[in-house]
Amino acid sequence: MPEESGFGEKALSQVVEMGLSSQLETAEEINVDVKADLLQAMQGQINGVRSRVKG
């Protein structure tokens, strides 16, 4: 998923990161990259998710 993320994708990725970080207290670093049209994401449809957790 190398192409640039749009504002909606970045915002959604950050929300997912915050949610995961509250559940994974021992993780040092959490990175999430969501690929989705914001309207489709609101309807529960996403094109892809990439995540990496260090810790």
PDB file of N, CA and C in Angstrom:
ATOM      1  N   MET A   1       0.829  -1.189   0.000  1.00  0.00           N
ATOM      2  CA  MET A   1       0.000   0.000   0.000  1.00  0.00           C
ATOM      3  C   MET A   1       0.878   1.259   0.000  1.00  0.00           C
ATOM      4  N   PRO A   2       1.689   1.449  -1.013  1.00  0.00           N
ATOM      5  CA  PRO A   2       2.645   2.544  -0.994  1.00  0.00           C
ATOM      6  C   PRO A   2       2.106   3.912  -1.365  1.00  0.00           C
ATOM      7  N   GLU A   3       0.952   4.015  -2.004  1.00  0.00           N
ATOM      8  CA  GLU A   3       0.466   5.327  -2.425  1.00  0.00           C
ATOM      9  C   GLU A   3       0.096   6.209  -1.236  1.00  0.00           C
ATOM     10  N   GLU A   4       0.068   7.510  -1.469  1.00  0.00           N
ATOM     11  CA  GLU A   4      -0.198   8.487  -0.413  1.00  0.00           C
ATOM     12  C   GLU A   4      -1.616   8.340   0.145  1.00  0.00           C
ATOM     13  N   SER A   5      -1.740   8.535   1.435  1.00  0.00           N
ATOM     14  CA  SER A   5      -3.042   8.489   2.086  1.00  0.00           C
ATOM     15  C   SER A   5      -3.704   9.851   2.032  1.00  0.00           C
ATOM     16  N   GLY A   6      -5.013   9.869   1.924  1.00  0.00           N
ATOM     17  CA  GLY A   6      -5.765  11.107   1.976  1.00  0.00           C
ATOM     18  C   GLY A   6      -6.043  11.489   3.415  1.00  0.00           C
ATOM     19  N   PHE A   7      -6.627  12.664   3.600  1.00  0.00           N
ATOM     20  CA  PHE A   7      -6.923  13.153   4.946  1.00  0.00           C
ATOM     21  C   PHE A   7      -7.815  12.181   5.713  1.00  0.00           C
ATOM     22  N   GLY A   8      -8.857  11.687   5.083  1.00  0.00           N
ATOM     23  CA  GLY A   8      -9.778  10.765   5.749  1.00  0.00           C
ATOM     24  C   GLY A   8      -9.093   9.473   6.157  1.00  0.00           C
ATOM     25  N   GLU A   9      -8.226   8.947   5.290  1.00  0.00           N
ATOM     26  CA  GLU A   9      -7.501   7.721   5.605  1.00  0.00           C
ATOM     27  C   GLU A   9      -6.535   7.943   6.772  1.00  0.00           C
ATOM     28  N   LYS A  10      -5.859   9.083   6.786  1.00  0.00           N
ATOM     29  CA  LYS A  10      -4.932   9.385   7.880  1.00  0.00           C
ATOM     30  C   LYS A  10      -5.681   9.517   9.198  1.00  0.00           C
ATOM     31  N   ALA A  11      -6.811  10.204   9.167  1.00  0.00           N
ATOM     32  CA  ALA A  11      -7.603  10.385  10.386  1.00  0.00           C
ATOM     33  C   ALA A  11      -8.110   9.038  10.897  1.00  0.00           C
ATOM     34  N   LEU A  12      -8.610   8.212  10.006  1.00  0.00           N
ATOM     35  CA  LEU A  12      -9.115   6.896  10.391  1.00  0.00           C
ATOM     36  C   LEU A  12      -7.985   6.031  10.945  1.00  0.00           C
ATOM     37  N   SER A  13      -6.815   6.097  10.330  1.00  0.00           N
ATOM     38  CA  SER A  13      -5.658   5.341  10.799  1.00  0.00           C
ATOM     39  C   SER A  13      -5.274   5.768  12.220  1.00  0.00           C
ATOM     40  N   GLN A  14      -5.302   7.063  12.489  1.00  0.00           N
ATOM     41  CA  GLN A  14      -4.960   7.556  13.817  1.00  0.00           C
ATOM     42  C   GLN A  14      -5.973   7.114  14.865  1.00  0.00           C
ATOM     43  N   VAL A  15      -7.233   7.103  14.508  1.00  0.00           N
ATOM     44  CA  VAL A  15      -8.271   6.646  15.441  1.00  0.00           C
ATOM     45  C   VAL A  15      -8.057   5.176  15.778  1.00  0.00           C
ATOM     46  N   VAL A  16      -7.736   4.365  14.775  1.00  0.00           N
ATOM     47  CA  VAL A  16      -7.485   2.943  15.021  1.00  0.00           C
ATOM     48  C   VAL A  16      -6.249   2.772  15.901  1.00  0.00           C
ATOM     49  N   GLU A  17      -5.196   3.543  15.629  1.00  0.00           N
ATOM     50  CA  GLU A  17      -3.984   3.489  16.455  1.00  0.00           C
ATOM     51  C   GLU A  17      -4.294   3.814  17.916  1.00  0.00           C
ATOM     52  N   MET A  18      -5.085   4.857  18.148  1.00  0.00           N
ATOM     53  CA  MET A  18      -5.438   5.227  19.520  1.00  0.00           C
ATOM     54  C   MET A  18      -6.230   4.118  20.202  1.00  0.00           C
ATOM     55  N   GLY A  19      -7.151   3.518  19.482  1.00  0.00           N
ATOM     56  CA  GLY A  19      -7.937   2.422  20.047  1.00  0.00           C
ATOM     57  C   GLY A  19      -7.072   1.229  20.398  1.00  0.00           C
ATOM     58  N   LEU A  20      -6.145   0.881  19.515  1.00  0.00           N
ATOM     59  CA  LEU A  20      -5.255  -0.240  19.797  1.00  0.00           C
ATOM     60  C   LEU A  20      -4.313   0.062  20.947  1.00  0.00           C
ATOM     61  N   SER A  21      -3.799   1.285  21.002  1.00  0.00           N
ATOM     62  CA  SER A  21      -2.848   1.624  22.064  1.00  0.00           C
ATOM     63  C   SER A  21      -3.489   1.560  23.445  1.00  0.00           C
ATOM     64  N   SER A  22      -4.788   1.812  23.510  1.00  0.00           N
ATOM     65  CA  SER A  22      -5.460   1.715  24.807  1.00  0.00           C
ATOM     66  C   SER A  22      -5.652   0.260  25.233  1.00  0.00           C
ATOM     67  N   GLN A  23      -5.587  -0.659  24.276  1.00  0.00           N
ATOM     68  CA  GLN A  23      -5.759  -2.081  24.570  1.00  0.00           C
ATOM     69  C   GLN A  23      -4.421  -2.809  24.740  1.00  0.00           C
ATOM     70  N   LEU A  24      -3.365  -2.268  24.143  1.00  0.00           N
ATOM     71  CA  LEU A  24      -2.055  -2.916  24.170  1.00  0.00           C
ATOM     72  C   LEU A  24      -1.087  -2.054  24.976  1.00  0.00           C
ATOM     73  N   GLU A  25      -1.175  -2.143  26.280  1.00  0.00           N
ATOM     74  CA  GLU A  25      -0.411  -1.270  27.169  1.00  0.00           C
ATOM     75  C   GLU A  25       1.093  -1.473  27.073  1.00  0.00           C
ATOM     76  N   THR A  26       1.566  -2.666  26.719  1.00  0.00           N
ATOM     77  CA  THR A  26       3.000  -2.928  26.693  1.00  0.00           C
ATOM     78  C   THR A  26       3.648  -2.628  25.341  1.00  0.00           C
ATOM     79  N   ALA A  27       2.882  -2.257  24.357  1.00  0.00           N
ATOM     80  CA  ALA A  27       3.433  -1.969  23.034  1.00  0.00           C
ATOM     81  C   ALA A  27       4.209  -0.658  23.056  1.00  0.00           C
ATOM     82  N   GLU A  28       5.401  -0.677  22.453  1.00  0.00           N
ATOM     83  CA  GLU A  28       6.222   0.520  22.372  1.00  0.00           C
ATOM     84  C   GLU A  28       5.776   1.424  21.223  1.00  0.00           C
ATOM     85  N   GLU A  29       5.384   0.816  20.127  1.00  0.00           N
ATOM     86  CA  GLU A  29       5.009   1.583  18.936  1.00  0.00           C
ATOM     87  C   GLU A  29       3.904   0.849  18.186  1.00  0.00           C
ATOM     88  N   ILE A  30       2.883   1.590  17.767  1.00  0.00           N
ATOM     89  CA  ILE A  30       1.782   1.035  16.987  1.00  0.00           C
ATOM     90  C   ILE A  30       1.602   1.897  15.753  1.00  0.00           C
ATOM     91  N   ASN A  31       1.659   1.268  14.577  1.00  0.00           N
ATOM     92  CA  ASN A  31       1.425   1.965  13.315  1.00  0.00           C
ATOM     93  C   ASN A  31       0.307   1.256  12.566  1.00  0.00           C
ATOM     94  N   VAL A  32      -0.673   2.028  12.121  1.00  0.00           N
ATOM     95  CA  VAL A  32      -1.800   1.486  11.363  1.00  0.00           C
ATOM     96  C   VAL A  32      -1.990   2.335  10.117  1.00  0.00           C
ATOM     97  N   ASP A  33      -2.174   1.677   8.981  1.00  0.00           N
ATOM     98  CA  ASP A  33      -2.426   2.361   7.719  1.00  0.00           C
ATOM     99  C   ASP A  33      -3.711   1.786   7.129  1.00  0.00           C
ATOM    100  N   VAL A  34      -4.778   2.574   7.133  1.00  0.00           N
ATOM    101  CA  VAL A  34      -6.075   2.146   6.609  1.00  0.00           C
ATOM    102  C   VAL A  34      -6.247   2.727   5.215  1.00  0.00           C
ATOM    103  N   LYS A  35      -6.630   1.888   4.265  1.00  0.00           N
ATOM    104  CA  LYS A  35      -6.930   2.327   2.905  1.00  0.00           C
ATOM    105  C   LYS A  35      -8.426   2.184   2.679  1.00  0.00           C
ATOM    106  N   ALA A  36      -9.111   3.327   2.603  1.00  0.00           N
ATOM    107  CA  ALA A  36     -10.561   3.286   2.422  1.00  0.00           C
ATOM    108  C   ALA A  36     -11.072   4.666   2.041  1.00  0.00           C
ATOM    109  N   ASP A  37     -12.091   4.701   1.256  1.00  0.00           N
ATOM    110  CA  ASP A  37     -12.826   5.926   1.008  1.00  0.00           C
ATOM    111  C   ASP A  37     -13.594   6.218   2.294  1.00  0.00           C
ATOM    112  N   LEU A  38     -13.558   7.450   2.764  1.00  0.00           N
ATOM    113  CA  LEU A  38     -14.164   7.779   4.055  1.00  0.00           C
ATOM    114  C   LEU A  38     -15.652   7.414   4.104  1.00  0.00           C
ATOM    115  N   LEU A  39     -16.385   7.683   3.058  1.00  0.00           N
ATOM    116  CA  LEU A  39     -17.814   7.346   3.032  1.00  0.00           C
ATOM    117  C   LEU A  39     -18.015   5.834   3.115  1.00  0.00           C
ATOM    118  N   GLN A  40     -17.208   5.083   2.374  1.00  0.00           N
ATOM    119  CA  GLN A  40     -17.314   3.625   2.430  1.00  0.00           C
ATOM    120  C   GLN A  40     -16.931   3.104   3.817  1.00  0.00           C
ATOM    121  N   ALA A  41     -15.907   3.707   4.433  1.00  0.00           N
ATOM    122  CA  ALA A  41     -15.487   3.288   5.774  1.00  0.00           C
ATOM    123  C   ALA A  41     -16.612   3.498   6.780  1.00  0.00           C
ATOM    124  N   MET A  42     -17.350   4.583   6.629  1.00  0.00           N
ATOM    125  CA  MET A  42     -18.478   4.843   7.526  1.00  0.00           C
ATOM    126  C   MET A  42     -19.569   3.794   7.353  1.00  0.00           C
ATOM    127  N   GLN A  43     -19.583   3.138   6.194  1.00  0.00           N
ATOM    128  CA  GLN A  43     -20.553   2.079   5.928  1.00  0.00           C
ATOM    129  C   GLN A  43     -19.980   0.698   6.237  1.00  0.00           C
ATOM    130  N   GLY A  44     -18.750   0.681   6.796  1.00  0.00           N
ATOM    131  CA  GLY A  44     -18.140  -0.585   7.188  1.00  0.00           C
ATOM    132  C   GLY A  44     -17.329  -1.266   6.112  1.00  0.00           C
ATOM    133  N   GLN A  45     -16.997  -0.556   5.026  1.00  0.00           N
ATOM    134  CA  GLN A  45     -16.239  -1.142   3.931  1.00  0.00           C
ATOM    135  C   GLN A  45     -14.867  -0.479   3.846  1.00  0.00           C
ATOM    136  N   ILE A  46     -13.808  -1.294   3.859  1.00  0.00           N
ATOM    137  CA  ILE A  46     -12.460  -0.766   3.700  1.00  0.00           C
ATOM    138  C   ILE A  46     -11.721  -1.569   2.634  1.00  0.00           C
ATOM    139  N   ASN A  47     -10.728  -0.942   2.018  1.00  0.00           N
ATOM    140  CA  ASN A  47      -9.957  -1.607   0.973  1.00  0.00           C
ATOM    141  C   ASN A  47      -8.783  -2.398   1.543  1.00  0.00           C
ATOM    142  N   GLY A  48      -8.232  -1.951   2.654  1.00  0.00           N
ATOM    143  CA  GLY A  48      -7.111  -2.667   3.249  1.00  0.00           C
ATOM    144  C   GLY A  48      -6.652  -2.025   4.550  1.00  0.00           C
ATOM    145  N   VAL A  49      -5.982  -2.833   5.354  1.00  0.00           N
ATOM    146  CA  VAL A  49      -5.413  -2.360   6.615  1.00  0.00           C
ATOM    147  C   VAL A  49      -4.042  -2.991   6.763  1.00  0.00           C
ATOM    148  N   ARG A  50      -3.074  -2.165   7.121  1.00  0.00           N
ATOM    149  CA  ARG A  50      -1.737  -2.674   7.426  1.00  0.00           C
ATOM    150  C   ARG A  50      -1.396  -2.184   8.822  1.00  0.00           C
ATOM    151  N   SER A  51      -0.919  -3.071   9.663  1.00  0.00           N
ATOM    152  CA  SER A  51      -0.563  -2.673  11.024  1.00  0.00           C
ATOM    153  C   SER A  51       0.780  -3.260  11.411  1.00  0.00           C
ATOM    154  N   ARG A  52       1.463  -2.532  12.292  1.00  0.00           N
ATOM    155  CA  ARG A  52       2.734  -3.010  12.836  1.00  0.00           C
ATOM    156  C   ARG A  52       2.788  -2.593  14.291  1.00  0.00           C
ATOM    157  N   VAL A  53       3.078  -3.558  15.155  1.00  0.00           N
ATOM    158  CA  VAL A  53       3.171  -3.290  16.589  1.00  0.00           C
ATOM    159  C   VAL A  53       4.554  -3.740  17.045  1.00  0.00           C
ATOM    160  N   LYS A  54       5.272  -2.832  17.697  1.00  0.00           N
ATOM    161  CA  LYS A  54       6.570  -3.165  18.284  1.00  0.00           C
ATOM    162  C   LYS A  54       6.407  -3.211  19.790  1.00  0.00           C
ATOM    163  N   GLY A  55       7.029  -4.172  20.392  1.00  0.00           N
ATOM    164  CA  GLY A  55       6.982  -4.192  21.844  1.00  0.00           C
ATOM    165  C   GLY A  55       6.890  -5.536  22.353  1.00  0.00           C
TER     166      GLY A  55
END
